[in-house]
PDB file of N, CA and C in Angstrom:
ATOM      1  N   UNK A   1     -37.164-208.078 -16.258  1.00  0.00           N
ATOM      2  CA  UNK A   1     -36.757-207.264 -15.254  1.00  0.00           C
ATOM      3  C   UNK A   1     -37.956-205.862 -15.932  1.00  0.00           C
ATOM      4  N   UNK A   2     -39.033-205.694 -15.235  1.00  0.00           N
ATOM      5  CA  UNK A   2     -40.149-204.295 -15.408  1.00  0.00           C
ATOM      6  C   UNK A   2     -40.072-203.389 -14.160  1.00  0.00           C
ATOM      7  N   UNK A   3     -39.930-201.865 -15.287  1.00  0.00           N
ATOM      8  CA  UNK A   3     -39.645-200.859 -15.545  1.00  0.00           C
ATOM      9  C   UNK A   3     -40.308-200.228 -15.218  1.00  0.00           C
ATOM     10  N   UNK A   4     -40.255-198.778 -14.352  1.00  0.00           N
ATOM     11  CA  UNK A   4     -42.002-198.149 -14.588  1.00  0.00           C
ATOM     12  C   UNK A   4     -41.741-196.836 -15.577  1.00  0.00           C
ATOM     13  N   UNK A   5     -42.470-196.540 -15.647  1.00  0.00           N
ATOM     14  CA  UNK A   5     -42.978-195.436 -16.670  1.00  0.00           C
ATOM     15  C   UNK A   5     -42.880-194.963 -16.545  1.00  0.00           C
ATOM     16  N   UNK A   6     -41.358-193.520 -17.349  1.00  0.00           N
ATOM     17  CA  UNK A   6     -41.272-191.896 -17.499  1.00  0.00           C
ATOM     18  C   UNK A   6     -41.705-190.538 -18.243  1.00  0.00           C
ATOM     19  N   UNK A   7     -42.580-191.123 -19.082  1.00  0.00           N
ATOM     20  CA  UNK A   7     -42.319-190.650 -20.236  1.00  0.00           C
ATOM     21  C   UNK A   7     -44.068-188.914 -19.804  1.00  0.00           C
ATOM     22  N   UNK A   8     -43.539-188.461 -19.948  1.00  0.00           N
ATOM     23  CA  UNK A   8     -45.077-187.981 -20.028  1.00  0.00           C
ATOM     24  C   UNK A   8     -45.406-187.253 -21.534  1.00  0.00           C
ATOM     25  N   UNK A   9     -46.679-187.364 -21.571  1.00  0.00           N
ATOM     26  CA  UNK A   9     -47.841-187.516 -22.922  1.00  0.00           C
ATOM     27  C   UNK A   9     -48.656-186.904 -22.938  1.00  0.00           C
ATOM     28  N   UNK A  10     -49.542-185.537 -24.433  1.00  0.00           N
ATOM     29  CA  UNK A  10     -50.438-184.750 -24.183  1.00  0.00           C
ATOM     30  C   UNK A  10     -51.130-185.187 -25.141  1.00  0.00           C
ATOM     31  N   UNK A  11     -52.699-184.519 -25.549  1.00  0.00           N
ATOM     32  CA  UNK A  11     -53.571-184.916 -25.820  1.00  0.00           C
ATOM     33  C   UNK A  11     -54.405-183.000 -25.555  1.00  0.00           C
ATOM     34  N   UNK A  12     -54.310-182.765 -26.613  1.00  0.00           N
ATOM     35  CA  UNK A  12     -54.786-180.814 -26.777  1.00  0.00           C
ATOM     36  C   UNK A  12     -54.741-180.067 -27.628  1.00  0.00           C
ATOM     37  N   UNK A  13     -55.036-178.902 -27.268  1.00  0.00           N
ATOM     38  CA  UNK A  13     -55.520-178.440 -28.629  1.00  0.00           C
ATOM     39  C   UNK A  13     -53.942-177.613 -29.079  1.00  0.00           C
ATOM     40  N   UNK A  14     -53.086-177.062 -30.577  1.00  0.00           N
ATOM     41  CA  UNK A  14     -52.579-176.985 -31.315  1.00  0.00           C
ATOM     42  C   UNK A  14     -51.957-176.106 -30.100  1.00  0.00           C
ATOM     43  N   UNK A  15     -52.708-175.221 -29.693  1.00  0.00           N
ATOM     44  CA  UNK A  15     -51.667-173.734 -28.857  1.00  0.00           C
ATOM     45  C   UNK A  15     -51.330-175.011 -27.762  1.00  0.00           C
ATOM     46  N   UNK A  16     -51.953-175.461 -27.040  1.00  0.00           N
ATOM     47  CA  UNK A  16     -51.422-175.833 -25.668  1.00  0.00           C
ATOM     48  C   UNK A  16     -50.462-177.179 -26.052  1.00  0.00           C
ATOM     49  N   UNK A  17     -51.065-177.590 -27.421  1.00  0.00           N
ATOM     50  CA  UNK A  17     -49.864-178.808 -27.774  1.00  0.00           C
ATOM     51  C   UNK A  17     -48.458-178.196 -27.675  1.00  0.00           C
ATOM     52  N   UNK A  18     -48.510-176.906 -28.896  1.00  0.00           N
ATOM     53  CA  UNK A  18     -46.844-176.432 -29.085  1.00  0.00           C
ATOM     54  C   UNK A  18     -46.220-175.638 -27.819  1.00  0.00           C
ATOM     55  N   UNK A  19     -46.451-174.861 -26.702  1.00  0.00           N
ATOM     56  CA  UNK A  19     -46.476-174.712 -25.407  1.00  0.00           C
ATOM     57  C   UNK A  19     -46.064-175.928 -25.199  1.00  0.00           C
ATOM     58  N   UNK A  20     -46.479-177.621 -24.267  1.00  0.00           N
ATOM     59  CA  UNK A  20     -45.942-178.971 -23.998  1.00  0.00           C
ATOM     60  C   UNK A  20     -44.604-179.215 -24.670  1.00  0.00           C
ATOM     61  N   UNK A  21     -44.677-178.458 -25.899  1.00  0.00           N
ATOM     62  CA  UNK A  21     -43.605-179.355 -27.492  1.00  0.00           C
ATOM     63  C   UNK A  21     -42.207-178.535 -26.993  1.00  0.00           C
ATOM     64  N   UNK A  22     -42.787-176.824 -26.354  1.00  0.00           N
ATOM     65  CA  UNK A  22     -41.451-175.733 -26.144  1.00  0.00           C
ATOM     66  C   UNK A  22     -40.772-176.002 -25.204  1.00  0.00           C
ATOM     67  N   UNK A  23     -42.412-176.732 -23.467  1.00  0.00           N
ATOM     68  CA  UNK A  23     -41.878-177.039 -22.813  1.00  0.00           C
ATOM     69  C   UNK A  23     -40.846-178.596 -22.533  1.00  0.00           C
ATOM     70  N   UNK A  24     -40.679-179.294 -23.226  1.00  0.00           N
ATOM     71  CA  UNK A  24     -39.754-179.870 -23.593  1.00  0.00           C
ATOM     72  C   UNK A  24     -40.106-181.377 -23.498  1.00  0.00           C
ATOM     73  N   UNK A  25     -41.895-181.571 -24.039  1.00  0.00           N
ATOM     74  CA  UNK A  25     -42.683-182.736 -23.570  1.00  0.00           C
ATOM     75  C   UNK A  25     -42.791-183.049 -25.264  1.00  0.00           C
ATOM     76  N   UNK A  26     -42.291-184.724 -26.239  1.00  0.00           N
ATOM     77  CA  UNK A  26     -42.132-184.580 -27.033  1.00  0.00           C
ATOM     78  C   UNK A  26     -43.368-185.911 -27.800  1.00  0.00           C
ATOM     79  N   UNK A  27     -43.910-186.320 -26.471  1.00  0.00           N
ATOM     80  CA  UNK A  27     -45.083-187.188 -27.373  1.00  0.00           C
ATOM     81  C   UNK A  27     -46.113-186.602 -26.939  1.00  0.00           C
ATOM     82  N   UNK A  28     -46.363-185.849 -27.877  1.00  0.00           N
ATOM     83  CA  UNK A  28     -47.931-185.112 -27.827  1.00  0.00           C
ATOM     84  C   UNK A  28     -48.802-184.764 -28.979  1.00  0.00           C
ATOM     85  N   UNK A  29     -50.533-185.039 -28.776  1.00  0.00           N
ATOM     86  CA  UNK A  29     -50.425-185.066 -30.413  1.00  0.00           C
ATOM     87  C   UNK A  29     -52.104-183.750 -30.311  1.00  0.00           C
ATOM     88  N   UNK A  30     -51.793-183.300 -31.324  1.00  0.00           N
ATOM     89  CA  UNK A  30     -52.952-182.025 -31.585  1.00  0.00           C
ATOM     90  C   UNK A  30     -54.581-182.784 -32.271  1.00  0.00           C
ATOM     91  N   UNK A  31     -55.649-182.792 -30.608  1.00  0.00           N
ATOM     92  CA  UNK A  31     -56.545-183.559 -31.843  1.00  0.00           C
ATOM     93  C   UNK A  31     -57.595-181.868 -32.061  1.00  0.00           C
ATOM     94  N   UNK A  32     -58.463-182.282 -32.666  1.00  0.00           N
ATOM     95  CA  UNK A  32     -59.918-181.646 -33.437  1.00  0.00           C
ATOM     96  C   UNK A  32     -61.257-181.690 -33.255  1.00  0.00           C
ATOM     97  N   UNK A  33     -61.127-182.925 -33.049  1.00  0.00           N
ATOM     98  CA  UNK A  33     -62.098-184.059 -32.703  1.00  0.00           C
ATOM     99  C   UNK A  33     -62.601-184.575 -31.429  1.00  0.00           C
ATOM    100  N   UNK A  34     -63.565-185.313 -30.391  1.00  0.00           N
ATOM    101  CA  UNK A  34     -63.388-185.571 -29.855  1.00  0.00           C
ATOM    102  C   UNK A  34     -63.176-187.145 -29.734  1.00  0.00           C
ATOM    103  N   UNK A  35     -63.714-187.633 -30.945  1.00  0.00           N
ATOM    104  CA  UNK A  35     -63.182-189.266 -31.716  1.00  0.00           C
ATOM    105  C   UNK A  35     -62.061-188.966 -32.257  1.00  0.00           C
ATOM    106  N   UNK A  36     -60.905-188.455 -32.672  1.00  0.00           N
ATOM    107  CA  UNK A  36     -59.390-187.960 -32.917  1.00  0.00           C
ATOM    108  C   UNK A  36     -59.226-188.614 -31.116  1.00  0.00           C
ATOM    109  N   UNK A  37     -59.214-187.530 -29.951  1.00  0.00           N
ATOM    110  CA  UNK A  37     -58.805-187.732 -28.826  1.00  0.00           C
ATOM    111  C   UNK A  37     -58.784-188.727 -28.866  1.00  0.00           C
ATOM    112  N   UNK A  38     -59.762-188.978 -28.336  1.00  0.00           N
ATOM    113  CA  UNK A  38     -60.309-190.403 -27.890  1.00  0.00           C
ATOM    114  C   UNK A  38     -59.678-191.859 -28.367  1.00  0.00           C
ATOM    115  N   UNK A  39     -59.175-192.009 -29.822  1.00  0.00           N
ATOM    116  CA  UNK A  39     -58.088-192.826 -30.383  1.00  0.00           C
ATOM    117  C   UNK A  39     -56.581-192.999 -29.406  1.00  0.00           C
ATOM    118  N   UNK A  40     -56.103-191.106 -29.827  1.00  0.00           N
ATOM    119  CA  UNK A  40     -55.632-191.054 -29.262  1.00  0.00           C
ATOM    120  C   UNK A  40     -55.203-191.102 -27.532  1.00  0.00           C
ATOM    121  N   UNK A  41     -56.106-190.466 -26.551  1.00  0.00           N
ATOM    122  CA  UNK A  41     -56.097-190.473 -25.376  1.00  0.00           C
ATOM    123  C   UNK A  41     -55.336-192.244 -24.794  1.00  0.00           C
ATOM    124  N   UNK A  42     -56.345-193.096 -26.185  1.00  0.00           N
ATOM    125  CA  UNK A  42     -56.011-194.622 -25.974  1.00  0.00           C
ATOM    126  C   UNK A  42     -54.984-195.566 -25.573  1.00  0.00           C
ATOM    127  N   UNK A  43     -54.628-194.016 -26.932  1.00  0.00           N
ATOM    128  CA  UNK A  43     -52.488-195.026 -27.854  1.00  0.00           C
ATOM    129  C   UNK A  43     -51.379-194.573 -26.688  1.00  0.00           C
ATOM    130  N   UNK A  44     -51.948-193.398 -25.535  1.00  0.00           N
ATOM    131  CA  UNK A  44     -50.486-193.469 -25.196  1.00  0.00           C
ATOM    132  C   UNK A  44     -51.132-194.036 -23.539  1.00  0.00           C
ATOM    133  N   UNK A  45     -52.406-194.928 -23.025  1.00  0.00           N
ATOM    134  CA  UNK A  45     -53.072-195.485 -22.159  1.00  0.00           C
ATOM    135  C   UNK A  45     -51.996-196.391 -22.211  1.00  0.00           C
ATOM    136  N   UNK A  46     -52.197-197.592 -23.337  1.00  0.00           N
ATOM    137  CA  UNK A  46     -51.581-198.406 -23.309  1.00  0.00           C
ATOM    138  C   UNK A  46     -49.795-198.438 -23.619  1.00  0.00           C
ATOM    139  N   UNK A  47     -49.177-197.127 -23.774  1.00  0.00           N
ATOM    140  CA  UNK A  47     -47.815-197.349 -24.312  1.00  0.00           C
ATOM    141  C   UNK A  47     -47.408-197.284 -23.133  1.00  0.00           C
ATOM    142  N   UNK A  48     -46.501-198.277 -22.010  1.00  0.00           N
ATOM    143  CA  UNK A  48     -46.213-198.682 -21.247  1.00  0.00           C
ATOM    144  C   UNK A  48     -44.800-197.945 -20.662  1.00  0.00           C
ATOM    145  N   UNK A  49     -44.765-196.959 -21.652  1.00  0.00           N
ATOM    146  CA  UNK A  49     -43.291-195.712 -21.322  1.00  0.00           C
ATOM    147  C   UNK A  49     -44.133-193.473 -21.158  1.00  0.00           C
ATOM    148  N   UNK A  50     -45.638-194.602 -20.497  1.00  0.00           N
ATOM    149  CA  UNK A  50     -46.403-193.076 -20.464  1.00  0.00           C
ATOM    150  C   UNK A  50     -46.220-193.028 -18.520  1.00  0.00           C
ATOM    151  N   UNK A  51     -46.217-192.107 -18.178  1.00  0.00           N
ATOM    152  CA  UNK A  51     -46.459-191.972 -16.723  1.00  0.00           C
ATOM    153  C   UNK A  51     -47.249-190.628 -16.492  1.00  0.00           C
ATOM    154  N   UNK A  52     -46.628-190.408 -17.273  1.00  0.00           N
ATOM    155  CA  UNK A  52     -48.190-188.995 -16.950  1.00  0.00           C
ATOM    156  C   UNK A  52     -49.142-188.179 -18.658  1.00  0.00           C
ATOM    157  N   UNK A  53     -50.468-188.742 -18.658  1.00  0.00           N
ATOM    158  CA  UNK A  53     -50.792-188.257 -19.910  1.00  0.00           C
ATOM    159  C   UNK A  53     -51.993-186.700 -20.012  1.00  0.00           C
ATOM    160  N   UNK A  54     -51.251-185.553 -20.176  1.00  0.00           N
ATOM    161  CA  UNK A  54     -51.304-184.090 -20.032  1.00  0.00           C
ATOM    162  C   UNK A  54     -52.498-184.553 -20.788  1.00  0.00           C
ATOM    163  N   UNK A  55     -53.845-184.384 -20.847  1.00  0.00           N
ATOM    164  CA  UNK A  55     -55.105-184.378 -21.017  1.00  0.00           C
ATOM    165  C   UNK A  55     -55.677-182.593 -21.095  1.00  0.00           C
ATOM    166  N   UNK A  56     -55.857-181.425 -22.358  1.00  0.00           N
ATOM    167  CA  UNK A  56     -56.746-180.154 -20.891  1.00  0.00           C
ATOM    168  C   UNK A  56     -58.040-180.936 -21.573  1.00  0.00           C
ATOM    169  N   UNK A  57     -58.410-180.062 -20.394  1.00  0.00           N
ATOM    170  CA  UNK A  57     -60.064-179.616 -19.504  1.00  0.00           C
ATOM    171  C   UNK A  57     -61.110-180.387 -20.634  1.00  0.00           C
ATOM    172  N   UNK A  58     -61.197-179.677 -22.081  1.00  0.00           N
ATOM    173  CA  UNK A  58     -61.846-180.099 -22.473  1.00  0.00           C
ATOM    174  C   UNK A  58     -62.159-180.935 -22.973  1.00  0.00           C
ATOM    175  N   UNK A  59     -60.993-181.413 -23.694  1.00  0.00           N
ATOM    176  CA  UNK A  59     -61.286-182.624 -24.938  1.00  0.00           C
ATOM    177  C   UNK A  59     -61.449-183.752 -23.426  1.00  0.00           C
ATOM    178  N   UNK A  60     -60.827-183.719 -22.384  1.00  0.00           N
ATOM    179  CA  UNK A  60     -61.404-184.687 -21.662  1.00  0.00           C
ATOM    180  C   UNK A  60     -63.172-184.727 -20.531  1.00  0.00           C
ATOM    181  N   UNK A  61     -63.830-183.308 -21.272  1.00  0.00           N
ATOM    182  CA  UNK A  61     -64.813-182.810 -20.634  1.00  0.00           C
ATOM    183  C   UNK A  61     -66.066-184.113 -21.850  1.00  0.00           C
ATOM    184  N   UNK A  62     -65.483-183.967 -22.957  1.00  0.00           N
ATOM    185  CA  UNK A  62     -65.828-184.613 -23.992  1.00  0.00           C
ATOM    186  C   UNK A  62     -65.720-186.307 -24.278  1.00  0.00           C
ATOM    187  N   UNK A  63     -64.649-186.571 -23.500  1.00  0.00           N
ATOM    188  CA  UNK A  63     -64.323-187.910 -23.315  1.00  0.00           C
ATOM    189  C   UNK A  63     -64.171-188.339 -21.504  1.00  0.00           C
ATOM    190  N   UNK A  64     -65.495-187.759 -21.491  1.00  0.00           N
ATOM    191  CA  UNK A  64     -65.024-188.588 -19.463  1.00  0.00           C
ATOM    192  C   UNK A  64     -64.987-189.810 -19.378  1.00  0.00           C
ATOM    193  N   UNK A  65     -66.020-190.578 -19.639  1.00  0.00           N
ATOM    194  CA  UNK A  65     -65.845-192.342 -19.207  1.00  0.00           C
ATOM    195  C   UNK A  65     -64.897-192.876 -19.686  1.00  0.00           C
ATOM    196  N   UNK A  66     -64.219-192.364 -20.644  1.00  0.00           N
ATOM    197  CA  UNK A  66     -63.080-193.308 -21.077  1.00  0.00           C
ATOM    198  C   UNK A  66     -62.055-192.598 -20.000  1.00  0.00           C
ATOM    199  N   UNK A  67     -62.186-191.542 -19.649  1.00  0.00           N
ATOM    200  CA  UNK A  67     -61.395-191.009 -18.725  1.00  0.00           C
ATOM    201  C   UNK A  67     -61.703-192.163 -17.526  1.00  0.00           C
ATOM    202  N   UNK A  68     -62.308-191.244 -17.138  1.00  0.00           N
ATOM    203  CA  UNK A  68     -62.929-192.131 -15.384  1.00  0.00           C
ATOM    204  C   UNK A  68     -62.326-193.712 -15.793  1.00  0.00           C
ATOM    205  N   UNK A  69     -62.473-194.670 -16.620  1.00  0.00           N
ATOM    206  CA  UNK A  69     -61.912-196.061 -16.364  1.00  0.00           C
ATOM    207  C   UNK A  69     -60.529-195.705 -16.502  1.00  0.00           C
ATOM    208  N   UNK A  70     -59.614-195.267 -16.733  1.00  0.00           N
ATOM    209  CA  UNK A  70     -58.594-195.199 -17.147  1.00  0.00           C
ATOM    210  C   UNK A  70     -57.851-194.875 -15.259  1.00  0.00           C
ATOM    211  N   UNK A  71     -58.846-193.789 -14.678  1.00  0.00           N
ATOM    212  CA  UNK A  71     -57.527-193.883 -13.873  1.00  0.00           C
ATOM    213  C   UNK A  71     -58.061-194.729 -12.482  1.00  0.00           C
ATOM    214  N   UNK A  72     -58.823-196.136 -12.354  1.00  0.00           N
ATOM    215  CA  UNK A  72     -59.101-196.873 -11.908  1.00  0.00           C
ATOM    216  C   UNK A  72     -57.432-197.112 -11.624  1.00  0.00           C
ATOM    217  N   UNK A  73     -56.631-197.749 -12.860  1.00  0.00           N
ATOM    218  CA  UNK A  73     -55.279-197.494 -13.079  1.00  0.00           C
ATOM    219  C   UNK A  73     -53.759-197.377 -12.833  1.00  0.00           C
ATOM    220  N   UNK A  74     -52.987-197.473 -12.476  1.00  0.00           N
ATOM    221  CA  UNK A  74     -52.155-196.799 -12.009  1.00  0.00           C
ATOM    222  C   UNK A  74     -51.671-195.981 -12.652  1.00  0.00           C
ATOM    223  N   UNK A  75     -51.019-196.419 -14.526  1.00  0.00           N
ATOM    224  CA  UNK A  75     -50.377-195.299 -14.481  1.00  0.00           C
ATOM    225  C   UNK A  75     -51.145-195.259 -15.871  1.00  0.00           C
ATOM    226  N   UNK A  76     -51.050-194.205 -17.044  1.00  0.00           N
ATOM    227  CA  UNK A  76     -50.559-192.821 -16.280  1.00  0.00           C
ATOM    228  C   UNK A  76     -51.678-192.084 -15.884  1.00  0.00           C
ATOM    229  N   UNK A  77     -50.915-191.746 -14.788  1.00  0.00           N
ATOM    230  CA  UNK A  77     -51.490-190.693 -14.262  1.00  0.00           C
ATOM    231  C   UNK A  77     -52.291-189.778 -15.023  1.00  0.00           C
ATOM    232  N   UNK A  78     -53.438-189.662 -14.645  1.00  0.00           N
ATOM    233  CA  UNK A  78     -53.780-188.504 -15.661  1.00  0.00           C
ATOM    234  C   UNK A  78     -54.178-187.267 -15.167  1.00  0.00           C
ATOM    235  N   UNK A  79     -53.747-186.030 -15.965  1.00  0.00           N
ATOM    236  CA  UNK A  79     -54.078-184.549 -15.202  1.00  0.00           C
ATOM    237  C   UNK A  79     -54.221-183.552 -16.554  1.00  0.00           C
ATOM    238  N   UNK A  80     -55.659-182.759 -16.494  1.00  0.00           N
ATOM    239  CA  UNK A  80     -56.108-182.005 -17.312  1.00  0.00           C
ATOM    240  C   UNK A  80     -56.071-181.322 -16.305  1.00  0.00           C
ATOM    241  N   UNK A  81     -55.467-179.741 -17.593  1.00  0.00           N
ATOM    242  CA  UNK A  81     -55.282-178.723 -17.822  1.00  0.00           C
ATOM    243  C   UNK A  81     -56.036-178.412 -19.122  1.00  0.00           C
ATOM    244  N   UNK A  82     -56.656-176.643 -18.320  1.00  0.00           N
ATOM    245  CA  UNK A  82     -57.204-175.590 -19.346  1.00  0.00           C
ATOM    246  C   UNK A  82     -55.993-175.565 -20.522  1.00  0.00           C
ATOM    247  N   UNK A  83     -56.663-175.855 -21.853  1.00  0.00           N
ATOM    248  CA  UNK A  83     -57.053-174.788 -23.039  1.00  0.00           C
ATOM    249  C   UNK A  83     -56.595-174.001 -23.043  1.00  0.00           C
ATOM    250  N   UNK A  84     -56.404-173.861 -24.394  1.00  0.00           N
ATOM    251  CA  UNK A  84     -56.508-172.274 -25.328  1.00  0.00           C
ATOM    252  C   UNK A  84     -57.444-171.353 -24.807  1.00  0.00           C
ATOM    253  N   UNK A  85     -58.657-171.809 -24.560  1.00  0.00           N
ATOM    254  CA  UNK A  85     -60.216-171.507 -24.509  1.00  0.00           C
ATOM    255  C   UNK A  85     -60.307-170.965 -23.076  1.00  0.00           C
ATOM    256  N   UNK A  86     -59.121-171.245 -22.188  1.00  0.00           N
ATOM    257  CA  UNK A  86     -59.267-171.408 -20.659  1.00  0.00           C
ATOM    258  C   UNK A  86     -60.164-171.985 -20.012  1.00  0.00           C
ATOM    259  N   UNK A  87     -60.234-172.443 -18.397  1.00  0.00           N
ATOM    260  CA  UNK A  87     -60.677-173.062 -17.574  1.00  0.00           C
ATOM    261  C   UNK A  87     -62.210-173.465 -18.100  1.00  0.00           C
ATOM    262  N   UNK A  88     -62.528-175.071 -17.520  1.00  0.00           N
ATOM    263  CA  UNK A  88     -64.138-175.703 -18.058  1.00  0.00           C
ATOM    264  C   UNK A  88     -64.721-175.949 -16.160  1.00  0.00           C
ATOM    265  N   UNK A  89     -64.917-175.166 -16.188  1.00  0.00           N
ATOM    266  CA  UNK A  89     -66.633-175.559 -14.714  1.00  0.00           C
ATOM    267  C   UNK A  89     -66.431-176.502 -14.956  1.00  0.00           C
ATOM    268  N   UNK A  90     -66.251-176.750 -13.732  1.00  0.00           N
ATOM    269  CA  UNK A  90     -66.850-178.255 -12.714  1.00  0.00           C
ATOM    270  C   UNK A  90     -67.291-178.465 -11.900  1.00  0.00           C
ATOM    271  N   UNK A  91     -68.119-179.502 -11.789  1.00  0.00           N
ATOM    272  CA  UNK A  91     -68.119-179.749 -10.895  1.00  0.00           C
ATOM    273  C   UNK A  91     -67.440-180.201  -9.809  1.00  0.00           C
ATOM    274  N   UNK A  92     -66.385-180.521 -10.121  1.00  0.00           N
ATOM    275  CA  UNK A  92     -65.579-181.511  -8.528  1.00  0.00           C
ATOM    276  C   UNK A  92     -63.803-181.011  -9.207  1.00  0.00           C
ATOM    277  N   UNK A  93     -63.084-181.299  -8.084  1.00  0.00           N
ATOM    278  CA  UNK A  93     -61.334-180.943  -8.709  1.00  0.00           C
ATOM    279  C   UNK A  93     -61.064-182.116  -8.458  1.00  0.00           C
ATOM    280  N   UNK A  94     -60.079-182.316  -9.942  1.00  0.00           N
ATOM    281  CA  UNK A  94     -59.957-184.196 -10.256  1.00  0.00           C
ATOM    282  C   UNK A  94     -58.344-183.505  -9.272  1.00  0.00           C
ATOM    283  N   UNK A  95     -57.675-182.985  -9.139  1.00  0.00           N
ATOM    284  CA  UNK A  95     -57.017-183.731  -9.092  1.00  0.00           C
ATOM    285  C   UNK A  95     -56.760-183.542  -7.203  1.00  0.00           C
ATOM    286  N   UNK A  96     -56.992-182.543  -6.876  1.00  0.00           N
ATOM    287  CA  UNK A  96     -58.133-183.357  -5.195  1.00  0.00           C
ATOM    288  C   UNK A  96     -57.595-184.593  -4.899  1.00  0.00           C
ATOM    289  N   UNK A  97     -58.246-185.514  -5.841  1.00  0.00           N
ATOM    290  CA  UNK A  97     -59.213-186.166  -6.159  1.00  0.00           C
ATOM    291  C   UNK A  97     -58.371-187.425  -5.947  1.00  0.00           C
ATOM    292  N   UNK A  98     -57.440-186.872  -7.249  1.00  0.00           N
ATOM    293  CA  UNK A  98     -56.233-187.902  -6.999  1.00  0.00           C
ATOM    294  C   UNK A  98     -55.142-187.926  -6.495  1.00  0.00           C
ATOM    295  N   UNK A  99     -55.340-186.838  -5.174  1.00  0.00           N
ATOM    296  CA  UNK A  99     -53.592-186.959  -3.766  1.00  0.00           C
ATOM    297  C   UNK A  99     -54.914-187.348  -2.994  1.00  0.00           C
ATOM    298  N   UNK A 100     -56.154-187.720  -2.706  1.00  0.00           N
ATOM    299  CA  UNK A 100     -56.271-188.193  -1.962  1.00  0.00           C
ATOM    300  C   UNK A 100     -56.565-189.783  -1.782  1.00  0.00           C
ATOM    301  N   UNK A 101     -56.986-190.118  -3.758  1.00  0.00           N
ATOM    302  CA  UNK A 101     -56.848-191.331  -3.792  1.00  0.00           C
ATOM    303  C   UNK A 101     -55.480-192.213  -3.968  1.00  0.00           C
ATOM    304  N   UNK A 102     -54.196-191.431  -4.458  1.00  0.00           N
ATOM    305  CA  UNK A 102     -53.643-191.562  -4.072  1.00  0.00           C
ATOM    306  C   UNK A 102     -52.619-192.135  -2.267  1.00  0.00           C
ATOM    307  N   UNK A 103     -53.118-190.956  -1.883  1.00  0.00           N
ATOM    308  CA  UNK A 103     -52.065-190.629   0.054  1.00  0.00           C
ATOM    309  C   UNK A 103     -53.300-190.865   0.935  1.00  0.00           C
ATOM    310  N   UNK A 104     -54.415-191.464   0.235  1.00  0.00           N
ATOM    311  CA  UNK A 104     -55.648-191.845   1.233  1.00  0.00           C
ATOM    312  C   UNK A 104     -56.567-190.932   1.863  1.00  0.00           C
ATOM    313  N   UNK A 105     -55.743-189.544   1.730  1.00  0.00           N
ATOM    314  CA  UNK A 105     -56.443-189.139   3.188  1.00  0.00           C
ATOM    315  C   UNK A 105     -57.186-187.971   1.754  1.00  0.00           C
ATOM    316  N   UNK A 106     -57.843-187.157   2.843  1.00  0.00           N
ATOM    317  CA  UNK A 106     -57.657-185.595   1.778  1.00  0.00           C
ATOM    318  C   UNK A 106     -57.546-184.457   2.644  1.00  0.00           C
ATOM    319  N   UNK A 107     -56.849-183.333   1.308  1.00  0.00           N
ATOM    320  CA  UNK A 107     -56.156-182.861   1.680  1.00  0.00           C
ATOM    321  C   UNK A 107     -57.347-181.822   0.972  1.00  0.00           C
ATOM    322  N   UNK A 108     -56.753-180.367   2.115  1.00  0.00           N
ATOM    323  CA  UNK A 108     -57.323-178.786   0.818  1.00  0.00           C
ATOM    324  C   UNK A 108     -56.960-178.258   0.716  1.00  0.00           C
ATOM    325  N   UNK A 109     -56.754-177.749  -0.670  1.00  0.00           N
ATOM    326  CA  UNK A 109     -55.305-177.227  -2.050  1.00  0.00           C
ATOM    327  C   UNK A 109     -56.871-176.870  -2.249  1.00  0.00           C
TER     328      UNK A 109
END
């Protein structure tokens, strides 16, 4: 019998991870360099329990190719959040693209 993933995981800087752990997220890893982040992202993406993977924008920007390849799969849903250094300016709005892919229509959010 197949079950849906239910866990939330996080790969981010120390301050972000500590804040999310205080909010109840148990599967979280503090990363300091892009290669370590890549390994952790892959580990969580292969974990069948993970439904949502939260990644700080700074780490996601340094692992953009990997993130884009993971977005093709239904799980985990990847959400980029600002890290402790603040928001990273980007050319596109990932949340808007996620909604468009999931629902099939573009929403102005």
